[in-house]
PDB file of N, CA and C in Angstrom:
ATOM      1  N   MET A   1      37.731 -14.731  13.261  1.00  0.00           N
ATOM      2  CA  MET A   1      37.692 -14.642  11.873  1.00  0.00           C
ATOM      3  C   MET A   1      37.569 -13.121  11.554  1.00  0.00           C
ATOM      4  N   LYS A   2      38.219 -12.912  10.402  1.00  0.00           N
ATOM      5  CA  LYS A   2      38.345 -11.536   9.960  1.00  0.00           C
ATOM      6  C   LYS A   2      37.246 -10.535   9.306  1.00  0.00           C
ATOM      7  N   GLU A   3      37.171  -9.627   9.569  1.00  0.00           N
ATOM      8  CA  GLU A   3      36.088  -8.872   9.145  1.00  0.00           C
ATOM      9  C   GLU A   3      35.868  -9.175   7.444  1.00  0.00           C
ATOM     10  N   LYS A   4      36.725  -9.072   6.601  1.00  0.00           N
ATOM     11  CA  LYS A   4      36.351  -9.442   5.266  1.00  0.00           C
ATOM     12  C   LYS A   4      35.560 -10.525   5.464  1.00  0.00           C
ATOM     13  N   THR A   5      36.091 -11.586   5.996  1.00  0.00           N
ATOM     14  CA  THR A   5      35.078 -13.021   6.057  1.00  0.00           C
ATOM     15  C   THR A   5      33.520 -12.985   6.620  1.00  0.00           C
ATOM     16  N   ILE A   6      33.580 -11.833   7.369  1.00  0.00           N
ATOM     17  CA  ILE A   6      32.627 -11.638   8.005  1.00  0.00           C
ATOM     18  C   ILE A   6      31.679 -10.844   6.779  1.00  0.00           C
ATOM     19  N   THR A   7      32.037  -9.528   6.474  1.00  0.00           N
ATOM     20  CA  THR A   7      31.512  -8.758   5.500  1.00  0.00           C
ATOM     21  C   THR A   7      31.149  -9.890   4.256  1.00  0.00           C
ATOM     22  N   ASP A   8      31.988 -10.591   3.785  1.00  0.00           N
ATOM     23  CA  ASP A   8      31.689 -11.215   2.446  1.00  0.00           C
ATOM     24  C   ASP A   8      30.491 -12.098   2.689  1.00  0.00           C
ATOM     25  N   LYS A   9      30.534 -12.897   4.074  1.00  0.00           N
ATOM     26  CA  LYS A   9      29.269 -13.478   4.152  1.00  0.00           C
ATOM     27  C   LYS A   9      27.724 -12.944   4.273  1.00  0.00           C
ATOM     28  N   ILE A  10      27.966 -11.736   4.994  1.00  0.00           N
ATOM     29  CA  ILE A  10      26.683 -10.810   5.169  1.00  0.00           C
ATOM     30  C   ILE A  10      26.251 -10.474   3.665  1.00  0.00           C
ATOM     31  N   LEU A  11      27.276  -9.717   2.674  1.00  0.00           N
ATOM     32  CA  LEU A  11      27.139  -9.461   1.250  1.00  0.00           C
ATOM     33  C   LEU A  11      26.137 -10.285   0.391  1.00  0.00           C
ATOM     34  N   LYS A  12      26.902 -11.657   0.801  1.00  0.00           N
ATOM     35  CA  LYS A  12      26.347 -12.795   0.023  1.00  0.00           C
ATOM     36  C   LYS A  12      25.225 -12.939   0.826  1.00  0.00           C
ATOM     37  N   TYR A  13      24.405 -12.738   1.677  1.00  0.00           N
ATOM     38  CA  TYR A  13      23.275 -13.270   2.035  1.00  0.00           C
ATOM     39  C   TYR A  13      22.437 -11.856   1.563  1.00  0.00           C
ATOM     40  N   LEU A  14      22.643 -10.829   1.847  1.00  0.00           N
ATOM     41  CA  LEU A  14      21.848  -9.741   1.317  1.00  0.00           C
ATOM     42  C   LEU A  14      21.698  -9.557  -0.019  1.00  0.00           C
ATOM     43  N   LYS A  15      22.542 -10.046  -1.021  1.00  0.00           N
ATOM     44  CA  LYS A  15      22.165 -10.358  -2.182  1.00  0.00           C
ATOM     45  C   LYS A  15      21.449 -11.236  -2.840  1.00  0.00           C
ATOM     46  N   ALA A  16      21.223 -12.224  -2.059  1.00  0.00           N
ATOM     47  CA  ALA A  16      20.359 -13.210  -2.093  1.00  0.00           C
ATOM     48  C   ALA A  16      18.496 -13.044  -1.778  1.00  0.00           C
ATOM     49  N   GLN A  17      18.601 -11.791  -1.059  1.00  0.00           N
ATOM     50  CA  GLN A  17      17.223 -11.541  -0.957  1.00  0.00           C
ATOM     51  C   GLN A  17      16.524 -10.811  -1.761  1.00  0.00           C
ATOM     52  N   SER A  18      15.011 -11.177  -1.639  1.00  0.00           N
ATOM     53  CA  SER A  18      14.265 -10.162  -2.706  1.00  0.00           C
ATOM     54  C   SER A  18      14.027  -8.881  -2.036  1.00  0.00           C
ATOM     55  N   GLU A  19      13.992  -8.024  -2.897  1.00  0.00           N
ATOM     56  CA  GLU A  19      13.515  -6.444  -2.371  1.00  0.00           C
ATOM     57  C   GLU A  19      14.948  -5.891  -1.782  1.00  0.00           C
ATOM     58  N   CYS A  20      15.698  -6.106  -2.143  1.00  0.00           N
ATOM     59  CA  CYS A  20      17.350  -6.162  -1.511  1.00  0.00           C
ATOM     60  C   CYS A  20      18.570  -5.957  -2.475  1.00  0.00           C
ATOM     61  N   PHE A  21      18.698  -4.574  -2.206  1.00  0.00           N
ATOM     62  CA  PHE A  21      20.056  -3.922  -3.069  1.00  0.00           C
ATOM     63  C   PHE A  21      21.302  -3.533  -1.909  1.00  0.00           C
ATOM     64  N   ALA A  22      22.085  -4.387  -2.240  1.00  0.00           N
ATOM     65  CA  ALA A  22      23.497  -4.118  -1.356  1.00  0.00           C
ATOM     66  C   ALA A  22      24.675  -4.107  -2.045  1.00  0.00           C
ATOM     67  N   PHE A  23      26.057  -3.214  -1.260  1.00  0.00           N
ATOM     68  CA  PHE A  23      26.938  -3.109  -2.017  1.00  0.00           C
ATOM     69  C   PHE A  23      27.905  -2.911  -0.526  1.00  0.00           C
ATOM     70  N   LYS A  24      29.187  -3.411  -0.870  1.00  0.00           N
ATOM     71  CA  LYS A  24      30.668  -3.019  -0.240  1.00  0.00           C
ATOM     72  C   LYS A  24      30.923  -1.486  -0.462  1.00  0.00           C
ATOM     73  N   GLU A  25      31.222  -0.831   0.287  1.00  0.00           N
ATOM     74  CA  GLU A  25      31.627   0.814   0.248  1.00  0.00           C
ATOM     75  C   GLU A  25      33.192   0.523   0.187  1.00  0.00           C
ATOM     76  N   HIS A  26      33.814   0.827  -0.566  1.00  0.00           N
ATOM     77  CA  HIS A  26      35.562   0.577  -0.757  1.00  0.00           C
ATOM     78  C   HIS A  26      35.942   2.101  -0.296  1.00  0.00           C
ATOM     79  N   GLY A  27      36.561   1.555   0.870  1.00  0.00           N
ATOM     80  CA  GLY A  27      37.530   3.121   1.470  1.00  0.00           C
ATOM     81  C   GLY A  27      38.654   3.401   0.457  1.00  0.00           C
ATOM     82  N   GLY A  28      39.325   4.141   0.804  1.00  0.00           N
ATOM     83  CA  GLY A  28      40.667   4.577  -0.005  1.00  0.00           C
ATOM     84  C   GLY A  28      40.417   6.279  -0.231  1.00  0.00           C
ATOM     85  N   MET A  29      41.369   6.729  -1.190  1.00  0.00           N
ATOM     86  CA  MET A  29      41.214   7.883  -1.641  1.00  0.00           C
ATOM     87  C   MET A  29      39.995   8.657  -2.057  1.00  0.00           C
ATOM     88  N   TYR A  30      39.226   7.450  -2.541  1.00  0.00           N
ATOM     89  CA  TYR A  30      37.889   7.978  -3.506  1.00  0.00           C
ATOM     90  C   TYR A  30      36.735   7.828  -2.873  1.00  0.00           C
ATOM     91  N   GLY A  31      37.030   7.417  -1.677  1.00  0.00           N
ATOM     92  CA  GLY A  31      36.033   6.781  -0.924  1.00  0.00           C
ATOM     93  C   GLY A  31      35.414   8.110   0.108  1.00  0.00           C
ATOM     94  N   THR A  32      34.304   7.881   0.791  1.00  0.00           N
ATOM     95  CA  THR A  32      34.132   8.905   2.030  1.00  0.00           C
ATOM     96  C   THR A  32      34.769   8.397   3.290  1.00  0.00           C
ATOM     97  N   ALA A  33      35.299   8.953   3.944  1.00  0.00           N
ATOM     98  CA  ALA A  33      36.040   8.607   4.933  1.00  0.00           C
ATOM     99  C   ALA A  33      34.867   8.282   6.356  1.00  0.00           C
ATOM    100  N   GLY A  34      34.555   7.262   6.705  1.00  0.00           N
ATOM    101  CA  GLY A  34      33.445   6.943   7.904  1.00  0.00           C
ATOM    102  C   GLY A  34      32.077   6.462   7.295  1.00  0.00           C
ATOM    103  N   ILE A  35      32.140   6.375   5.936  1.00  0.00           N
ATOM    104  CA  ILE A  35      30.692   5.381   5.664  1.00  0.00           C
ATOM    105  C   ILE A  35      30.827   3.918   6.118  1.00  0.00           C
ATOM    106  N   PRO A  36      29.911   3.684   6.567  1.00  0.00           N
ATOM    107  CA  PRO A  36      29.891   1.944   7.031  1.00  0.00           C
ATOM    108  C   PRO A  36      30.162   1.003   5.845  1.00  0.00           C
ATOM    109  N   ASP A  37      30.613   0.140   5.768  1.00  0.00           N
ATOM    110  CA  ASP A  37      31.418  -1.008   5.224  1.00  0.00           C
ATOM    111  C   ASP A  37      29.994  -1.659   4.005  1.00  0.00           C
ATOM    112  N   ILE A  38      28.856  -1.880   4.393  1.00  0.00           N
ATOM    113  CA  ILE A  38      27.755  -2.184   3.599  1.00  0.00           C
ATOM    114  C   ILE A  38      26.513  -1.186   3.492  1.00  0.00           C
ATOM    115  N   ILE A  39      26.339  -0.941   2.561  1.00  0.00           N
ATOM    116  CA  ILE A  39      25.270   0.291   2.169  1.00  0.00           C
ATOM    117  C   ILE A  39      23.997  -0.656   1.322  1.00  0.00           C
ATOM    118  N   CYS A  40      22.793  -0.577   1.812  1.00  0.00           N
ATOM    119  CA  CYS A  40      21.748  -1.838   1.765  1.00  0.00           C
ATOM    120  C   CYS A  40      20.673  -0.676   1.572  1.00  0.00           C
ATOM    121  N   CYS A  41      19.558  -1.106   0.505  1.00  0.00           N
ATOM    122  CA  CYS A  41      18.262  -0.854   0.660  1.00  0.00           C
ATOM    123  C   CYS A  41      17.440  -2.060   0.798  1.00  0.00           C
ATOM    124  N   TYR A  42      16.786  -2.204   2.358  1.00  0.00           N
ATOM    125  CA  TYR A  42      16.327  -3.378   2.185  1.00  0.00           C
ATOM    126  C   TYR A  42      14.757  -3.168   2.295  1.00  0.00           C
ATOM    127  N   LYS A  43      13.673  -3.702   1.255  1.00  0.00           N
ATOM    128  CA  LYS A  43      12.518  -3.359   1.319  1.00  0.00           C
ATOM    129  C   LYS A  43      11.727  -1.776   1.583  1.00  0.00           C
ATOM    130  N   GLY A  44      12.610  -1.021   0.860  1.00  0.00           N
ATOM    131  CA  GLY A  44      12.326   0.123   1.141  1.00  0.00           C
ATOM    132  C   GLY A  44      13.036   1.329   1.949  1.00  0.00           C
ATOM    133  N   GLN A  45      13.774   0.237   2.974  1.00  0.00           N
ATOM    134  CA  GLN A  45      14.243   1.000   4.191  1.00  0.00           C
ATOM    135  C   GLN A  45      16.129   1.375   3.949  1.00  0.00           C
ATOM    136  N   PHE A  46      16.487   2.396   4.220  1.00  0.00           N
ATOM    137  CA  PHE A  46      17.883   2.407   3.802  1.00  0.00           C
ATOM    138  C   PHE A  46      18.795   2.048   5.329  1.00  0.00           C
ATOM    139  N   VAL A  47      19.762   1.146   4.886  1.00  0.00           N
ATOM    140  CA  VAL A  47      20.083   0.233   5.942  1.00  0.00           C
ATOM    141  C   VAL A  47      21.578   0.412   5.756  1.00  0.00           C
ATOM    142  N   ALA A  48      22.522   0.731   6.602  1.00  0.00           N
ATOM    143  CA  ALA A  48      24.069   0.747   6.784  1.00  0.00           C
ATOM    144  C   ALA A  48      24.337   0.059   7.598  1.00  0.00           C
ATOM    145  N   PHE A  49      25.423  -0.843   7.330  1.00  0.00           N
ATOM    146  CA  PHE A  49      26.174  -1.895   8.398  1.00  0.00           C
ATOM    147  C   PHE A  49      27.986  -1.441   8.250  1.00  0.00           C
ATOM    148  N   GLU A  50      28.202  -1.103   9.735  1.00  0.00           N
ATOM    149  CA  GLU A  50      30.126  -1.368   9.741  1.00  0.00           C
ATOM    150  C   GLU A  50      30.099  -2.676  10.304  1.00  0.00           C
ATOM    151  N   VAL A  51      30.931  -3.239  10.006  1.00  0.00           N
ATOM    152  CA  VAL A  51      31.109  -4.639  10.314  1.00  0.00           C
ATOM    153  C   VAL A  51      32.466  -4.581  11.072  1.00  0.00           C
ATOM    154  N   LYS A  52      32.472  -5.301  11.965  1.00  0.00           N
ATOM    155  CA  LYS A  52      33.851  -5.182  13.023  1.00  0.00           C
ATOM    156  C   LYS A  52      33.721  -6.715  13.762  1.00  0.00           C
ATOM    157  N   THR A  53      35.087  -7.275  14.072  1.00  0.00           N
ATOM    158  CA  THR A  53      35.073  -8.671  14.426  1.00  0.00           C
ATOM    159  C   THR A  53      34.314  -8.294  15.966  1.00  0.00           C
ATOM    160  N   PRO A  54      34.202  -9.402  16.590  1.00  0.00           N
ATOM    161  CA  PRO A  54      33.822  -9.209  18.220  1.00  0.00           C
ATOM    162  C   PRO A  54      34.435  -8.249  19.216  1.00  0.00           C
ATOM    163  N   GLU A  55      36.150  -8.111  18.560  1.00  0.00           N
ATOM    164  CA  GLU A  55      36.823  -7.314  19.484  1.00  0.00           C
ATOM    165  C   GLU A  55      36.747  -5.823  18.998  1.00  0.00           C
ATOM    166  N   GLY A  56      36.144  -5.768  17.647  1.00  0.00           N
ATOM    167  CA  GLY A  56      36.571  -4.713  17.009  1.00  0.00           C
ATOM    168  C   GLY A  56      35.934  -3.145  17.696  1.00  0.00           C
ATOM    169  N   LYS A  57      36.250  -2.034  17.464  1.00  0.00           N
ATOM    170  CA  LYS A  57      35.670  -1.216  18.002  1.00  0.00           C
ATOM    171  C   LYS A  57      35.607   0.039  16.973  1.00  0.00           C
ATOM    172  N   LEU A  58      34.424   0.763  17.115  1.00  0.00           N
ATOM    173  CA  LEU A  58      34.164   2.039  16.202  1.00  0.00           C
ATOM    174  C   LEU A  58      34.907   3.149  16.587  1.00  0.00           C
ATOM    175  N   SER A  59      35.396   3.507  14.965  1.00  0.00           N
ATOM    176  CA  SER A  59      36.232   4.996  15.067  1.00  0.00           C
ATOM    177  C   SER A  59      35.341   5.918  15.653  1.00  0.00           C
ATOM    178  N   LYS A  60      35.836   7.267  16.094  1.00  0.00           N
ATOM    179  CA  LYS A  60      35.199   8.169  16.330  1.00  0.00           C
ATOM    180  C   LYS A  60      34.277   8.629  15.316  1.00  0.00           C
ATOM    181  N   LEU A  61      34.780   8.919  14.349  1.00  0.00           N
ATOM    182  CA  LEU A  61      34.312   9.181  12.728  1.00  0.00           C
ATOM    183  C   LEU A  61      33.264   8.387  12.388  1.00  0.00           C
ATOM    184  N   GLN A  62      33.341   6.942  12.489  1.00  0.00           N
ATOM    185  CA  GLN A  62      32.156   6.080  12.278  1.00  0.00           C
ATOM    186  C   GLN A  62      31.148   6.235  13.320  1.00  0.00           C
ATOM    187  N   GLU A  63      31.422   6.265  14.672  1.00  0.00           N
ATOM    188  CA  GLU A  63      30.393   6.913  15.512  1.00  0.00           C
ATOM    189  C   GLU A  63      29.700   7.901  14.679  1.00  0.00           C
ATOM    190  N   ILE A  64      30.080   8.606  14.444  1.00  0.00           N
ATOM    191  CA  ILE A  64      29.262  10.099  14.137  1.00  0.00           C
ATOM    192  C   ILE A  64      28.716   9.996  13.043  1.00  0.00           C
ATOM    193  N   THR A  65      29.343   8.798  12.177  1.00  0.00           N
ATOM    194  CA  THR A  65      28.385   8.787  10.658  1.00  0.00           C
ATOM    195  C   THR A  65      27.467   7.811  10.809  1.00  0.00           C
ATOM    196  N   ILE A  66      27.251   6.914  11.865  1.00  0.00           N
ATOM    197  CA  ILE A  66      26.076   6.427  11.972  1.00  0.00           C
ATOM    198  C   ILE A  66      24.936   7.278  12.621  1.00  0.00           C
ATOM    199  N   GLN A  67      25.618   8.300  13.811  1.00  0.00           N
ATOM    200  CA  GLN A  67      24.647   8.850  14.218  1.00  0.00           C
ATOM    201  C   GLN A  67      24.124   9.889  13.335  1.00  0.00           C
ATOM    202  N   ARG A  68      24.454  10.148  12.437  1.00  0.00           N
ATOM    203  CA  ARG A  68      24.104  11.286  11.446  1.00  0.00           C
ATOM    204  C   ARG A  68      23.199  10.472  10.106  1.00  0.00           C
ATOM    205  N   ILE A  69      23.435   9.175  10.153  1.00  0.00           N
ATOM    206  CA  ILE A  69      22.741   8.265   9.283  1.00  0.00           C
ATOM    207  C   ILE A  69      21.097   8.211   9.998  1.00  0.00           C
ATOM    208  N   LYS A  70      21.305   7.921  11.425  1.00  0.00           N
ATOM    209  CA  LYS A  70      19.947   7.541  12.180  1.00  0.00           C
ATOM    210  C   LYS A  70      19.355   9.104  12.271  1.00  0.00           C
ATOM    211  N   ASP A  71      20.180  10.122  12.681  1.00  0.00           N
ATOM    212  CA  ASP A  71      19.293  11.179  12.437  1.00  0.00           C
ATOM    213  C   ASP A  71      18.998  11.813  11.043  1.00  0.00           C
ATOM    214  N   ALA A  72      19.208  10.884  10.190  1.00  0.00           N
ATOM    215  CA  ALA A  72      18.288  11.446   9.059  1.00  0.00           C
ATOM    216  C   ALA A  72      17.045  10.379   8.738  1.00  0.00           C
ATOM    217  N   LYS A  73      16.803   9.516   9.588  1.00  0.00           N
ATOM    218  CA  LYS A  73      15.972   8.616   9.666  1.00  0.00           C
ATOM    219  C   LYS A  73      16.536   7.296   8.985  1.00  0.00           C
ATOM    220  N   GLY A  74      17.395   7.178   8.564  1.00  0.00           N
ATOM    221  CA  GLY A  74      18.119   5.620   7.994  1.00  0.00           C
ATOM    222  C   GLY A  74      18.391   5.036   9.455  1.00  0.00           C
ATOM    223  N   LYS A  75      18.571   3.631   8.828  1.00  0.00           N
ATOM    224  CA  LYS A  75      19.234   2.605  10.152  1.00  0.00           C
ATOM    225  C   LYS A  75      20.804   2.278   9.841  1.00  0.00           C
ATOM    226  N   ALA A  76      21.507   2.750  10.678  1.00  0.00           N
ATOM    227  CA  ALA A  76      22.768   1.873  10.819  1.00  0.00           C
ATOM    228  C   ALA A  76      23.127   1.157  11.796  1.00  0.00           C
ATOM    229  N   TYR A  77      24.097   0.377  11.892  1.00  0.00           N
ATOM    230  CA  TYR A  77      24.275  -0.702  12.892  1.00  0.00           C
ATOM    231  C   TYR A  77      25.698  -1.006  12.455  1.00  0.00           C
ATOM    232  N   LYS A  78      26.541  -1.430  13.957  1.00  0.00           N
ATOM    233  CA  LYS A  78      27.877  -1.809  13.967  1.00  0.00           C
ATOM    234  C   LYS A  78      27.338  -3.449  14.136  1.00  0.00           C
ATOM    235  N   VAL A  79      27.853  -4.412  13.448  1.00  0.00           N
ATOM    236  CA  VAL A  79      27.667  -5.983  13.307  1.00  0.00           C
ATOM    237  C   VAL A  79      28.938  -6.491  13.398  1.00  0.00           C
ATOM    238  N   THR A  80      28.974  -7.732  13.919  1.00  0.00           N
ATOM    239  CA  THR A  80      29.946  -8.711  14.344  1.00  0.00           C
ATOM    240  C   THR A  80      29.625 -10.033  13.647  1.00  0.00           C
ATOM    241  N   SER A  81      28.293 -10.328  13.186  1.00  0.00           N
ATOM    242  CA  SER A  81      27.952 -11.938  12.449  1.00  0.00           C
ATOM    243  C   SER A  81      26.792 -11.324  11.665  1.00  0.00           C
ATOM    244  N   LEU A  82      26.793 -12.750  10.821  1.00  0.00           N
ATOM    245  CA  LEU A  82      25.398 -12.450   9.577  1.00  0.00           C
ATOM    246  C   LEU A  82      24.472 -12.864  10.751  1.00  0.00           C
ATOM    247  N   GLU A  83      24.104 -13.396  11.551  1.00  0.00           N
ATOM    248  CA  GLU A  83      23.381 -13.462  12.504  1.00  0.00           C
ATOM    249  C   GLU A  83      22.663 -12.190  13.074  1.00  0.00           C
ATOM    250  N   GLU A  84      23.578 -11.268  13.704  1.00  0.00           N
ATOM    251  CA  GLU A  84      23.043 -10.121  14.117  1.00  0.00           C
ATOM    252  C   GLU A  84      22.214  -9.514  12.736  1.00  0.00           C
ATOM    253  N   VAL A  85      22.734  -9.649  11.552  1.00  0.00           N
ATOM    254  CA  VAL A  85      22.206  -8.962  10.184  1.00  0.00           C
ATOM    255  C   VAL A  85      20.831  -9.417  10.012  1.00  0.00           C
ATOM    256  N   LYS A  86      20.950 -10.647  10.202  1.00  0.00           N
ATOM    257  CA  LYS A  86      19.592 -11.481   9.963  1.00  0.00           C
ATOM    258  C   LYS A  86      18.596 -10.842  10.934  1.00  0.00           C
ATOM    259  N   LYS A  87      18.810 -10.939  12.257  1.00  0.00           N
ATOM    260  CA  LYS A  87      17.977 -10.177  13.356  1.00  0.00           C
ATOM    261  C   LYS A  87      17.532  -9.291  13.060  1.00  0.00           C
ATOM    262  N   ILE A  88      18.212  -7.927  12.937  1.00  0.00           N
ATOM    263  CA  ILE A  88      17.951  -6.689  12.417  1.00  0.00           C
ATOM    264  C   ILE A  88      16.821  -6.270  11.289  1.00  0.00           C
ATOM    265  N   LEU A  89      17.496  -6.924  10.581  1.00  0.00           N
ATOM    266  CA  LEU A  89      16.301  -7.183   9.200  1.00  0.00           C
ATOM    267  C   LEU A  89      15.202  -7.896   9.606  1.00  0.00           C
ATOM    268  N   ASP A  90      14.827  -8.641  10.534  1.00  0.00           N
ATOM    269  CA  ASP A  90      13.844  -9.209  10.970  1.00  0.00           C
ATOM    270  C   ASP A  90      13.166  -8.638  11.767  1.00  0.00           C
ATOM    271  N   ASN A  91      13.660  -7.540  12.401  1.00  0.00           N
ATOM    272  CA  ASN A  91      13.079  -6.840  13.117  1.00  0.00           C
ATOM    273  C   ASN A  91      12.767  -5.482  12.361  1.00  0.00           C
ATOM    274  N   LEU A  92      13.269  -5.436  11.458  1.00  0.00           N
ATOM    275  CA  LEU A  92      13.146  -3.629  10.647  1.00  0.00           C
ATOM    276  C   LEU A  92      11.772  -3.605  10.548  1.00  0.00           C
ATOM    277  N   GLU A  93      10.925  -2.167  10.965  1.00  0.00           N
ATOM    278  CA  GLU A  93       9.413  -1.913  10.475  1.00  0.00           C
ATOM    279  C   GLU A  93       9.512  -1.837   8.720  1.00  0.00           C
ATOM    280  N   VAL A  94       9.039  -2.941   8.197  1.00  0.00           N
ATOM    281  CA  VAL A  94       8.616  -2.558   6.836  1.00  0.00           C
ATOM    282  C   VAL A  94       7.628  -1.789   6.012  1.00  0.00           C
ATOM    283  N   LYS A  95       7.727  -0.521   5.538  1.00  0.00           N
ATOM    284  CA  LYS A  95       6.615   0.058   5.227  1.00  0.00           C
ATOM    285  C   LYS A  95       5.904  -0.539   4.122  1.00  0.00           C
ATOM    286  N   LYS A  96       4.619  -0.557   4.390  1.00  0.00           N
ATOM    287  CA  LYS A  96       4.028  -1.231   3.275  1.00  0.00           C
ATOM    288  C   LYS A  96       3.442  -0.262   1.948  1.00  0.00           C
TER     289      LYS A  96
END
């Protein structure tokens, strides 16, 4: 399965959730290098997902960016499937 197919499935799911705002970060010359593919606010939590195929590897810049998000108290993950995203969201500590 291609990264785009996985990303599309994840975005469709996220956009159907209540209390969720999600969008695809489009790279290119006007984007910021290293930013995860999907940026999401889920029930008050900042969450970012870098989508890869099961064989895909993070670049050094992606690793650094994910760590910087975590250092800022956000959540950031490398994911390879919609099922992973669902588990992550189910396990988030949602602030009331």
